[in-house]
Structure formats: structure tokens, C-alpha cells
Amino acid sequence: LEIGKVCEETGIPEDMIKAALDEEERAHIDIDGDYTL
């Protein structure tokens, strides 16, 4: 619910938010439109 609220009000891609919710996610940089991860 919180992720959906942030995505809806800011336009942040949901995949960017969920990237940090994976303990095995490696350090990296990604760009999607106006947002940089």
C-alpha cells in the first residue's frame, strides 16, 4: 500500500522501489526516464 501510494503520487517506477527490497540486490545505477536509481 505504501509503495503504491509513493508510485502514484511521485511517478517513481515500482521496480526501482522494489529493487532495494531484495537482499541479494547488487550495487548498481539505473536510469528510467526522469528518475535515477
PDB file of all heavy atoms in Angstrom:
ATOM      1  N   LEU A   1       0.826  -1.204   0.000  1.00  0.00           N
ATOM      2  CA  LEU A   1       0.000   0.000   0.000  1.00  0.00           C
ATOM      3  C   LEU A   1       0.860   1.254   0.000  1.00  0.00           C
ATOM      4  O   LEU A   1       0.587   2.218  -0.736  1.00  0.00           O
ATOM      5  CB  LEU A   1      -0.935  -0.005   1.216  1.00  0.00           C
ATOM      6  CG  LEU A   1      -1.939   1.147   1.303  1.00  0.00           C
ATOM      7  CD1 LEU A   1      -2.908   1.104   0.113  1.00  0.00           C
ATOM      8  CD2 LEU A   1      -2.726   1.083   2.612  1.00  0.00           C
ATOM      9  N   GLU A   2       1.919   1.249   0.791  1.00  0.00           N
ATOM     10  CA  GLU A   2       2.818   2.408   0.855  1.00  0.00           C
ATOM     11  C   GLU A   2       3.582   2.570  -0.447  1.00  0.00           C
ATOM     12  O   GLU A   2       3.773   3.699  -0.928  1.00  0.00           O
ATOM     13  CB  GLU A   2       3.777   2.242   2.030  1.00  0.00           C
ATOM     14  CG  GLU A   2       3.093   2.353   3.389  1.00  0.00           C
ATOM     15  CD  GLU A   2       4.010   1.972   4.538  1.00  0.00           C
ATOM     16  OE1 GLU A   2       4.983   1.223   4.304  1.00  0.00           O
ATOM     17  OE2 GLU A   2       3.758   2.422   5.674  1.00  0.00           O
ATOM     18  N   ILE A   3       4.009   1.458  -1.026  1.00  0.00           N
ATOM     19  CA  ILE A   3       4.703   1.537  -2.312  1.00  0.00           C
ATOM     20  C   ILE A   3       3.770   2.097  -3.389  1.00  0.00           C
ATOM     21  O   ILE A   3       4.169   2.961  -4.179  1.00  0.00           O
ATOM     22  CB  ILE A   3       5.222   0.139  -2.727  1.00  0.00           C
ATOM     23  CG1 ILE A   3       6.302  -0.336  -1.760  1.00  0.00           C
ATOM     24  CG2 ILE A   3       5.772   0.170  -4.153  1.00  0.00           C
ATOM     25  CD1 ILE A   3       6.775  -1.752  -2.022  1.00  0.00           C
ATOM     26  N   GLY A   4       2.539   1.622  -3.405  1.00  0.00           N
ATOM     27  CA  GLY A   4       1.575   2.117  -4.384  1.00  0.00           C
ATOM     28  C   GLY A   4       1.293   3.597  -4.214  1.00  0.00           C
ATOM     29  O   GLY A   4       1.159   4.329  -5.206  1.00  0.00           O
ATOM     30  N   LYS A   5       1.222   4.058  -2.980  1.00  0.00           N
ATOM     31  CA  LYS A   5       0.969   5.477  -2.724  1.00  0.00           C
ATOM     32  C   LYS A   5       2.106   6.337  -3.245  1.00  0.00           C
ATOM     33  O   LYS A   5       1.881   7.365  -3.903  1.00  0.00           O
ATOM     34  CB  LYS A   5       0.788   5.703  -1.222  1.00  0.00           C
ATOM     35  CG  LYS A   5       0.583   7.164  -0.850  1.00  0.00           C
ATOM     36  CD  LYS A   5       0.460   7.338   0.655  1.00  0.00           C
ATOM     37  CE  LYS A   5       0.309   8.821   1.011  1.00  0.00           C
ATOM     38  NZ  LYS A   5       0.198   9.038   2.472  1.00  0.00           N
ATOM     39  N   VAL A   6       3.339   5.934  -2.961  1.00  0.00           N
ATOM     40  CA  VAL A   6       4.503   6.712  -3.411  1.00  0.00           C
ATOM     41  C   VAL A   6       4.584   6.717  -4.928  1.00  0.00           C
ATOM     42  O   VAL A   6       4.835   7.763  -5.547  1.00  0.00           O
ATOM     43  CB  VAL A   6       5.794   6.142  -2.792  1.00  0.00           C
ATOM     44  CG1 VAL A   6       7.021   6.818  -3.401  1.00  0.00           C
ATOM     45  CG2 VAL A   6       5.795   6.326  -1.279  1.00  0.00           C
ATOM     46  N   CYS A   7       4.372   5.572  -5.552  1.00  0.00           N
ATOM     47  CA  CYS A   7       4.442   5.493  -7.013  1.00  0.00           C
ATOM     48  C   CYS A   7       3.365   6.359  -7.665  1.00  0.00           C
ATOM     49  O   CYS A   7       3.614   7.025  -8.681  1.00  0.00           O
ATOM     50  CB  CYS A   7       4.304   4.049  -7.466  1.00  0.00           C
ATOM     51  SG  CYS A   7       5.679   2.978  -7.002  1.00  0.00           S
ATOM     52  N   GLU A   8       2.189   6.342  -7.089  1.00  0.00           N
ATOM     53  CA  GLU A   8       1.082   7.105  -7.656  1.00  0.00           C
ATOM     54  C   GLU A   8       1.309   8.611  -7.540  1.00  0.00           C
ATOM     55  O   GLU A   8       1.020   9.362  -8.478  1.00  0.00           O
ATOM     56  CB  GLU A   8      -0.214   6.711  -6.957  1.00  0.00           C
ATOM     57  CG  GLU A   8      -1.450   7.432  -7.514  1.00  0.00           C
ATOM     58  CD  GLU A   8      -2.718   7.037  -6.792  1.00  0.00           C
ATOM     59  OE1 GLU A   8      -2.664   6.120  -5.931  1.00  0.00           O
ATOM     60  OE2 GLU A   8      -3.777   7.634  -7.080  1.00  0.00           O
ATOM     61  N   GLU A   9       1.834   9.065  -6.407  1.00  0.00           N
ATOM     62  CA  GLU A   9       1.963  10.500  -6.172  1.00  0.00           C
ATOM     63  C   GLU A   9       3.256  11.095  -6.720  1.00  0.00           C
ATOM     64  O   GLU A   9       3.339  12.305  -6.924  1.00  0.00           O
ATOM     65  CB  GLU A   9       1.861  10.790  -4.675  1.00  0.00           C
ATOM     66  CG  GLU A   9       0.518  10.418  -4.077  1.00  0.00           C
ATOM     67  CD  GLU A   9       0.371  10.904  -2.648  1.00  0.00           C
ATOM     68  OE1 GLU A   9       1.075  11.876  -2.283  1.00  0.00           O
ATOM     69  OE2 GLU A   9      -0.440  10.329  -1.896  1.00  0.00           O
ATOM     70  N   THR A  10       4.254  10.270  -6.964  1.00  0.00           N
ATOM     71  CA  THR A  10       5.534  10.797  -7.448  1.00  0.00           C
ATOM     72  C   THR A  10       5.872  10.350  -8.860  1.00  0.00           C
ATOM     73  O   THR A  10       6.703  10.986  -9.517  1.00  0.00           O
ATOM     74  CB  THR A  10       6.670  10.353  -6.512  1.00  0.00           C
ATOM     75  OG1 THR A  10       6.788   8.922  -6.552  1.00  0.00           O
ATOM     76  CG2 THR A  10       6.415  10.813  -5.083  1.00  0.00           C
ATOM     77  N   GLY A  11       5.288   9.236  -9.299  1.00  0.00           N
ATOM     78  CA  GLY A  11       5.638   8.710 -10.612  1.00  0.00           C
ATOM     79  C   GLY A  11       6.881   7.850 -10.619  1.00  0.00           C
ATOM     80  O   GLY A  11       7.386   7.487 -11.687  1.00  0.00           O
ATOM     81  N   ILE A  12       7.403   7.527  -9.446  1.00  0.00           N
ATOM     82  CA  ILE A  12       8.575   6.659  -9.369  1.00  0.00           C
ATOM     83  C   ILE A  12       8.193   5.253  -9.834  1.00  0.00           C
ATOM     84  O   ILE A  12       7.192   4.700  -9.376  1.00  0.00           O
ATOM     85  CB  ILE A  12       9.121   6.600  -7.925  1.00  0.00           C
ATOM     86  CG1 ILE A  12       9.590   7.986  -7.474  1.00  0.00           C
ATOM     87  CG2 ILE A  12      10.265   5.599  -7.817  1.00  0.00           C
ATOM     88  CD1 ILE A  12      10.054   8.022  -6.029  1.00  0.00           C
ATOM     89  N   PRO A  13       8.959   4.646 -10.733  1.00  0.00           N
ATOM     90  CA  PRO A  13       8.652   3.279 -11.176  1.00  0.00           C
ATOM     91  C   PRO A  13       8.693   2.305 -10.000  1.00  0.00           C
ATOM     92  O   PRO A  13       9.591   2.367  -9.162  1.00  0.00           O
ATOM     93  CB  PRO A  13       9.762   2.982 -12.192  1.00  0.00           C
ATOM     94  CG  PRO A  13      10.216   4.329 -12.659  1.00  0.00           C
ATOM     95  CD  PRO A  13      10.084   5.236 -11.477  1.00  0.00           C
ATOM     96  N   GLU A  14       7.722   1.430  -9.960  1.00  0.00           N
ATOM     97  CA  GLU A  14       7.635   0.477  -8.843  1.00  0.00           C
ATOM     98  C   GLU A  14       8.852  -0.439  -8.776  1.00  0.00           C
ATOM     99  O   GLU A  14       9.298  -0.827  -7.693  1.00  0.00           O
ATOM    100  CB  GLU A  14       6.360  -0.352  -8.990  1.00  0.00           C
ATOM    101  CG  GLU A  14       6.097  -1.300  -7.827  1.00  0.00           C
ATOM    102  CD  GLU A  14       4.774  -2.019  -7.968  1.00  0.00           C
ATOM    103  OE1 GLU A  14       3.893  -1.523  -8.702  1.00  0.00           O
ATOM    104  OE2 GLU A  14       4.625  -3.087  -7.331  1.00  0.00           O
ATOM    105  N   ASP A  15       9.413  -0.766  -9.944  1.00  0.00           N
ATOM    106  CA  ASP A  15      10.579  -1.652  -9.968  1.00  0.00           C
ATOM    107  C   ASP A  15      11.767  -1.029  -9.249  1.00  0.00           C
ATOM    108  O   ASP A  15      12.575  -1.746  -8.640  1.00  0.00           O
ATOM    109  CB  ASP A  15      10.968  -1.976 -11.419  1.00  0.00           C
ATOM    110  CG  ASP A  15       9.919  -2.840 -12.107  1.00  0.00           C
ATOM    111  OD1 ASP A  15       9.097  -3.441 -11.380  1.00  0.00           O
ATOM    112  OD2 ASP A  15       9.924  -2.892 -13.352  1.00  0.00           O
ATOM    113  N   MET A  16      11.893   0.283  -9.323  1.00  0.00           N
ATOM    114  CA  MET A  16      13.002   0.954  -8.640  1.00  0.00           C
ATOM    115  C   MET A  16      12.873   0.824  -7.126  1.00  0.00           C
ATOM    116  O   MET A  16      13.861   0.609  -6.417  1.00  0.00           O
ATOM    117  CB  MET A  16      13.052   2.430  -9.042  1.00  0.00           C
ATOM    118  CG  MET A  16      13.599   2.696 -10.421  1.00  0.00           C
ATOM    119  SD  MET A  16      13.885   4.456 -10.719  1.00  0.00           S
ATOM    120  CE  MET A  16      14.783   4.405 -12.265  1.00  0.00           C
ATOM    121  N   ILE A  17      11.667   0.967  -6.628  1.00  0.00           N
ATOM    122  CA  ILE A  17      11.460   0.857  -5.179  1.00  0.00           C
ATOM    123  C   ILE A  17      11.713  -0.566  -4.711  1.00  0.00           C
ATOM    124  O   ILE A  17      12.366  -0.805  -3.688  1.00  0.00           O
ATOM    125  CB  ILE A  17      10.043   1.317  -4.804  1.00  0.00           C
ATOM    126  CG1 ILE A  17       9.866   2.805  -5.103  1.00  0.00           C
ATOM    127  CG2 ILE A  17       9.751   1.032  -3.334  1.00  0.00           C
ATOM    128  CD1 ILE A  17       8.478   3.343  -4.788  1.00  0.00           C
ATOM    129  N   LYS A  18      11.228  -1.529  -5.468  1.00  0.00           N
ATOM    130  CA  LYS A  18      11.362  -2.923  -5.063  1.00  0.00           C
ATOM    131  C   LYS A  18      12.782  -3.454  -5.250  1.00  0.00           C
ATOM    132  O   LYS A  18      13.095  -4.536  -4.746  1.00  0.00           O
ATOM    133  CB  LYS A  18      10.366  -3.788  -5.833  1.00  0.00           C
ATOM    134  CG  LYS A  18       8.915  -3.533  -5.433  1.00  0.00           C
ATOM    135  CD  LYS A  18       7.964  -4.507  -6.105  1.00  0.00           C
ATOM    136  CE  LYS A  18       6.535  -4.320  -5.612  1.00  0.00           C
ATOM    137  NZ  LYS A  18       5.592  -5.261  -6.241  1.00  0.00           N
ATOM    138  N   ALA A  19      13.602  -2.710  -5.970  1.00  0.00           N
ATOM    139  CA  ALA A  19      14.982  -3.167  -6.186  1.00  0.00           C
ATOM    140  C   ALA A  19      15.732  -3.304  -4.866  1.00  0.00           C
ATOM    141  O   ALA A  19      16.507  -4.245  -4.673  1.00  0.00           O
ATOM    142  CB  ALA A  19      15.717  -2.206  -7.114  1.00  0.00           C
ATOM    143  N   ALA A  20      15.499  -2.366  -3.943  1.00  0.00           N
ATOM    144  CA  ALA A  20      16.205  -2.396  -2.659  1.00  0.00           C
ATOM    145  C   ALA A  20      15.572  -3.348  -1.667  1.00  0.00           C
ATOM    146  O   ALA A  20      16.119  -3.560  -0.582  1.00  0.00           O
ATOM    147  CB  ALA A  20      16.249  -0.993  -2.060  1.00  0.00           C
ATOM    148  N   LEU A  21      14.437  -3.925  -2.008  1.00  0.00           N
ATOM    149  CA  LEU A  21      13.757  -4.840  -1.097  1.00  0.00           C
ATOM    150  C   LEU A  21      14.186  -6.284  -1.318  1.00  0.00           C
ATOM    151  O   LEU A  21      13.644  -7.200  -0.706  1.00  0.00           O
ATOM    152  CB  LEU A  21      12.235  -4.711  -1.265  1.00  0.00           C
ATOM    153  CG  LEU A  21      11.669  -3.301  -1.030  1.00  0.00           C
ATOM    154  CD1 LEU A  21      10.163  -3.297  -1.216  1.00  0.00           C
ATOM    155  CD2 LEU A  21      12.047  -2.789   0.354  1.00  0.00           C
ATOM    156  N   ASP A  22      15.152  -6.470  -2.204  1.00  0.00           N
ATOM    157  CA  ASP A  22      15.741  -7.782  -2.438  1.00  0.00           C
ATOM    158  C   ASP A  22      17.109  -7.818  -1.762  1.00  0.00           C
ATOM    159  O   ASP A  22      18.004  -7.047  -2.109  1.00  0.00           O
ATOM    160  CB  ASP A  22      15.876  -8.044  -3.937  1.00  0.00           C
ATOM    161  CG  ASP A  22      16.476  -9.415  -4.244  1.00  0.00           C
ATOM    162  OD1 ASP A  22      16.690 -10.200  -3.294  1.00  0.00           O
ATOM    163  OD2 ASP A  22      16.739  -9.700  -5.423  1.00  0.00           O
ATOM    164  N   GLU A  23      17.284  -8.705  -0.778  1.00  0.00           N
ATOM    165  CA  GLU A  23      18.536  -8.751  -0.028  1.00  0.00           C
ATOM    166  C   GLU A  23      19.725  -9.095  -0.912  1.00  0.00           C
ATOM    167  O   GLU A  23      20.865  -8.764  -0.574  1.00  0.00           O
ATOM    168  CB  GLU A  23      18.428  -9.781   1.107  1.00  0.00           C
ATOM    169  CG  GLU A  23      17.460  -9.377   2.208  1.00  0.00           C
ATOM    170  CD  GLU A  23      17.488 -10.357   3.364  1.00  0.00           C
ATOM    171  OE1 GLU A  23      18.288 -11.321   3.303  1.00  0.00           O
ATOM    172  OE2 GLU A  23      16.720 -10.172   4.323  1.00  0.00           O
ATOM    173  N   GLU A  24      19.480  -9.749  -2.025  1.00  0.00           N
ATOM    174  CA  GLU A  24      20.568 -10.160  -2.920  1.00  0.00           C
ATOM    175  C   GLU A  24      20.876  -9.116  -3.999  1.00  0.00           C
ATOM    176  O   GLU A  24      21.723  -9.348  -4.860  1.00  0.00           O
ATOM    177  CB  GLU A  24      20.214 -11.494  -3.592  1.00  0.00           C
ATOM    178  CG  GLU A  24      19.887 -12.617  -2.618  1.00  0.00           C
ATOM    179  CD  GLU A  24      21.037 -12.926  -1.688  1.00  0.00           C
ATOM    180  OE1 GLU A  24      22.197 -12.814  -2.139  1.00  0.00           O
ATOM    181  OE2 GLU A  24      20.786 -13.266  -0.521  1.00  0.00           O
ATOM    182  N   GLU A  25      20.178  -7.969  -3.964  1.00  0.00           N
ATOM    183  CA  GLU A  25      20.398  -6.935  -4.982  1.00  0.00           C
ATOM    184  C   GLU A  25      21.810  -6.378  -4.871  1.00  0.00           C
ATOM    185  O   GLU A  25      22.267  -6.009  -3.781  1.00  0.00           O
ATOM    186  CB  GLU A  25      19.372  -5.810  -4.806  1.00  0.00           C
ATOM    187  CG  GLU A  25      19.385  -4.789  -5.926  1.00  0.00           C
ATOM    188  CD  GLU A  25      18.762  -5.311  -7.212  1.00  0.00           C
ATOM    189  OE1 GLU A  25      18.032  -6.325  -7.147  1.00  0.00           O
ATOM    190  OE2 GLU A  25      19.001  -4.710  -8.265  1.00  0.00           O
ATOM    191  N   ARG A  26      22.497  -6.298  -6.005  1.00  0.00           N
ATOM    192  CA  ARG A  26      23.862  -5.795  -6.024  1.00  0.00           C
ATOM    193  C   ARG A  26      23.868  -4.292  -6.246  1.00  0.00           C
ATOM    194  O   ARG A  26      22.928  -3.718  -6.792  1.00  0.00           O
ATOM    195  CB  ARG A  26      24.662  -6.475  -7.145  1.00  0.00           C
ATOM    196  CG  ARG A  26      24.863  -7.958  -6.947  1.00  0.00           C
ATOM    197  CD  ARG A  26      25.731  -8.255  -5.730  1.00  0.00           C
ATOM    198  NE  ARG A  26      27.004  -7.585  -5.840  1.00  0.00           N
ATOM    199  CZ  ARG A  26      28.071  -8.099  -6.474  1.00  0.00           C
ATOM    200  NH1 ARG A  26      27.973  -9.280  -7.042  1.00  0.00           N
ATOM    201  NH2 ARG A  26      29.212  -7.443  -6.535  1.00  0.00           N
ATOM    202  N   ALA A  27      24.937  -3.655  -5.833  1.00  0.00           N
ATOM    203  CA  ALA A  27      25.082  -2.214  -6.019  1.00  0.00           C
ATOM    204  C   ALA A  27      25.166  -1.897  -7.511  1.00  0.00           C
ATOM    205  O   ALA A  27      25.954  -2.493  -8.246  1.00  0.00           O
ATOM    206  CB  ALA A  27      26.333  -1.717  -5.296  1.00  0.00           C
ATOM    207  N   HIS A  28      24.347  -0.955  -7.948  1.00  0.00           N
ATOM    208  CA  HIS A  28      24.344  -0.577  -9.355  1.00  0.00           C
ATOM    209  C   HIS A  28      23.607   0.752  -9.529  1.00  0.00           C
ATOM    210  O   HIS A  28      23.025   1.285  -8.582  1.00  0.00           O
ATOM    211  CB  HIS A  28      23.681  -1.651 -10.217  1.00  0.00           C
ATOM    212  CG  HIS A  28      22.207  -1.771  -9.988  1.00  0.00           C
ATOM    213  ND1 HIS A  28      21.659  -2.461  -8.910  1.00  0.00           N
ATOM    214  CD2 HIS A  28      21.127  -1.286 -10.676  1.00  0.00           C
ATOM    215  CE1 HIS A  28      20.347  -2.393  -8.951  1.00  0.00           C
ATOM    216  NE2 HIS A  28      19.991  -1.684 -10.030  1.00  0.00           N
ATOM    217  N   ILE A  29      23.611   1.262 -10.754  1.00  0.00           N
ATOM    218  CA  ILE A  29      22.923   2.503 -11.104  1.00  0.00           C
ATOM    219  C   ILE A  29      22.025   2.226 -12.303  1.00  0.00           C
ATOM    220  O   ILE A  29      22.431   1.541 -13.246  1.00  0.00           O
ATOM    221  CB  ILE A  29      23.927   3.631 -11.428  1.00  0.00           C
ATOM    222  CG1 ILE A  29      24.766   3.960 -10.189  1.00  0.00           C
ATOM    223  CG2 ILE A  29      23.195   4.887 -11.900  1.00  0.00           C
ATOM    224  CD1 ILE A  29      25.855   4.981 -10.454  1.00  0.00           C
ATOM    225  N   ASP A  30      20.812   2.765 -12.239  1.00  0.00           N
ATOM    226  CA  ASP A  30      19.862   2.567 -13.323  1.00  0.00           C
ATOM    227  C   ASP A  30      19.114   3.878 -13.563  1.00  0.00           C
ATOM    228  O   ASP A  30      18.831   4.626 -12.620  1.00  0.00           O
ATOM    229  CB  ASP A  30      18.883   1.444 -12.969  1.00  0.00           C
ATOM    230  CG  ASP A  30      18.029   1.040 -14.180  1.00  0.00           C
ATOM    231  OD1 ASP A  30      18.427   1.368 -15.310  1.00  0.00           O
ATOM    232  OD2 ASP A  30      16.979   0.410 -13.969  1.00  0.00           O
ATOM    233  N   ILE A  31      18.785   4.153 -14.808  1.00  0.00           N
ATOM    234  CA  ILE A  31      18.071   5.382 -15.175  1.00  0.00           C
ATOM    235  C   ILE A  31      16.810   4.996 -15.941  1.00  0.00           C
ATOM    236  O   ILE A  31      16.852   4.200 -16.882  1.00  0.00           O
ATOM    237  CB  ILE A  31      18.951   6.303 -16.036  1.00  0.00           C
ATOM    238  CG1 ILE A  31      20.214   6.705 -15.271  1.00  0.00           C
ATOM    239  CG2 ILE A  31      18.172   7.557 -16.447  1.00  0.00           C
ATOM    240  CD1 ILE A  31      21.209   7.512 -16.097  1.00  0.00           C
ATOM    241  N   ASP A  32      15.681   5.548 -15.501  1.00  0.00           N
ATOM    242  CA  ASP A  32      14.403   5.292 -16.148  1.00  0.00           C
ATOM    243  C   ASP A  32      13.646   6.617 -16.255  1.00  0.00           C
ATOM    244  O   ASP A  32      13.065   7.094 -15.280  1.00  0.00           O
ATOM    245  CB  ASP A  32      13.586   4.270 -15.346  1.00  0.00           C
ATOM    246  CG  ASP A  32      12.301   3.852 -16.067  1.00  0.00           C
ATOM    247  OD1 ASP A  32      11.975   4.465 -17.108  1.00  0.00           O
ATOM    248  OD2 ASP A  32      11.620   2.927 -15.589  1.00  0.00           O
ATOM    249  N   GLY A  33      13.680   7.205 -17.444  1.00  0.00           N
ATOM    250  CA  GLY A  33      13.019   8.495 -17.643  1.00  0.00           C
ATOM    251  C   GLY A  33      13.666   9.597 -16.819  1.00  0.00           C
ATOM    252  O   GLY A  33      14.874   9.823 -16.896  1.00  0.00           O
ATOM    253  N   ASP A  34      12.855  10.277 -16.016  1.00  0.00           N
ATOM    254  CA  ASP A  34      13.372  11.367 -15.189  1.00  0.00           C
ATOM    255  C   ASP A  34      13.998  10.879 -13.892  1.00  0.00           C
ATOM    256  O   ASP A  34      14.595  11.679 -13.151  1.00  0.00           O
ATOM    257  CB  ASP A  34      12.233  12.346 -14.842  1.00  0.00           C
ATOM    258  CG  ASP A  34      11.676  13.038 -16.092  1.00  0.00           C
ATOM    259  OD1 ASP A  34      12.452  13.190 -17.063  1.00  0.00           O
ATOM    260  OD2 ASP A  34      10.490  13.400 -16.093  1.00  0.00           O
ATOM    261  N   TYR A  35      13.863   9.609 -13.604  1.00  0.00           N
ATOM    262  CA  TYR A  35      14.335   9.092 -12.312  1.00  0.00           C
ATOM    263  C   TYR A  35      15.636   8.308 -12.462  1.00  0.00           C
ATOM    264  O   TYR A  35      15.820   7.551 -13.416  1.00  0.00           O
ATOM    265  CB  TYR A  35      13.272   8.205 -11.668  1.00  0.00           C
ATOM    266  CG  TYR A  35      12.128   8.990 -11.078  1.00  0.00           C
ATOM    267  CD1 TYR A  35      10.954   9.206 -11.813  1.00  0.00           C
ATOM    268  CD2 TYR A  35      12.220   9.546  -9.817  1.00  0.00           C
ATOM    269  CE1 TYR A  35       9.907   9.941 -11.286  1.00  0.00           C
ATOM    270  CE2 TYR A  35      11.174  10.281  -9.275  1.00  0.00           C
ATOM    271  CZ  TYR A  35      10.022  10.478 -10.017  1.00  0.00           C
ATOM    272  OH  TYR A  35       8.988  11.216  -9.487  1.00  0.00           O
ATOM    273  N   THR A  36      16.508   8.515 -11.496  1.00  0.00           N
ATOM    274  CA  THR A  36      17.780   7.798 -11.435  1.00  0.00           C
ATOM    275  C   THR A  36      17.809   6.962 -10.158  1.00  0.00           C
ATOM    276  O   THR A  36      17.481   7.451  -9.073  1.00  0.00           O
ATOM    277  CB  THR A  36      18.964   8.772 -11.440  1.00  0.00           C
ATOM    278  OG1 THR A  36      18.932   9.560 -12.636  1.00  0.00           O
ATOM    279  CG2 THR A  36      20.284   8.017 -11.373  1.00  0.00           C
ATOM    280  N   LEU A  37      18.184   5.713 -10.309  1.00  0.00           N
ATOM    281  CA  LEU A  37      18.277   4.790  -9.177  1.00  0.00           C
ATOM    282  C   LEU A  37      19.737   4.493  -8.879  1.00  0.00           C
ATOM    283  O   LEU A  37      20.492   4.096  -9.760  1.00  0.00           O
ATOM    284  CB  LEU A  37      17.532   3.487  -9.495  1.00  0.00           C
ATOM    285  CG  LEU A  37      17.767   2.311  -8.527  1.00  0.00           C
ATOM    286  CD1 LEU A  37      17.165   2.598  -7.155  1.00  0.00           C
ATOM    287  CD2 LEU A  37      17.199   1.017  -9.108  1.00  0.00           C
TER     288      LEU A  37
END
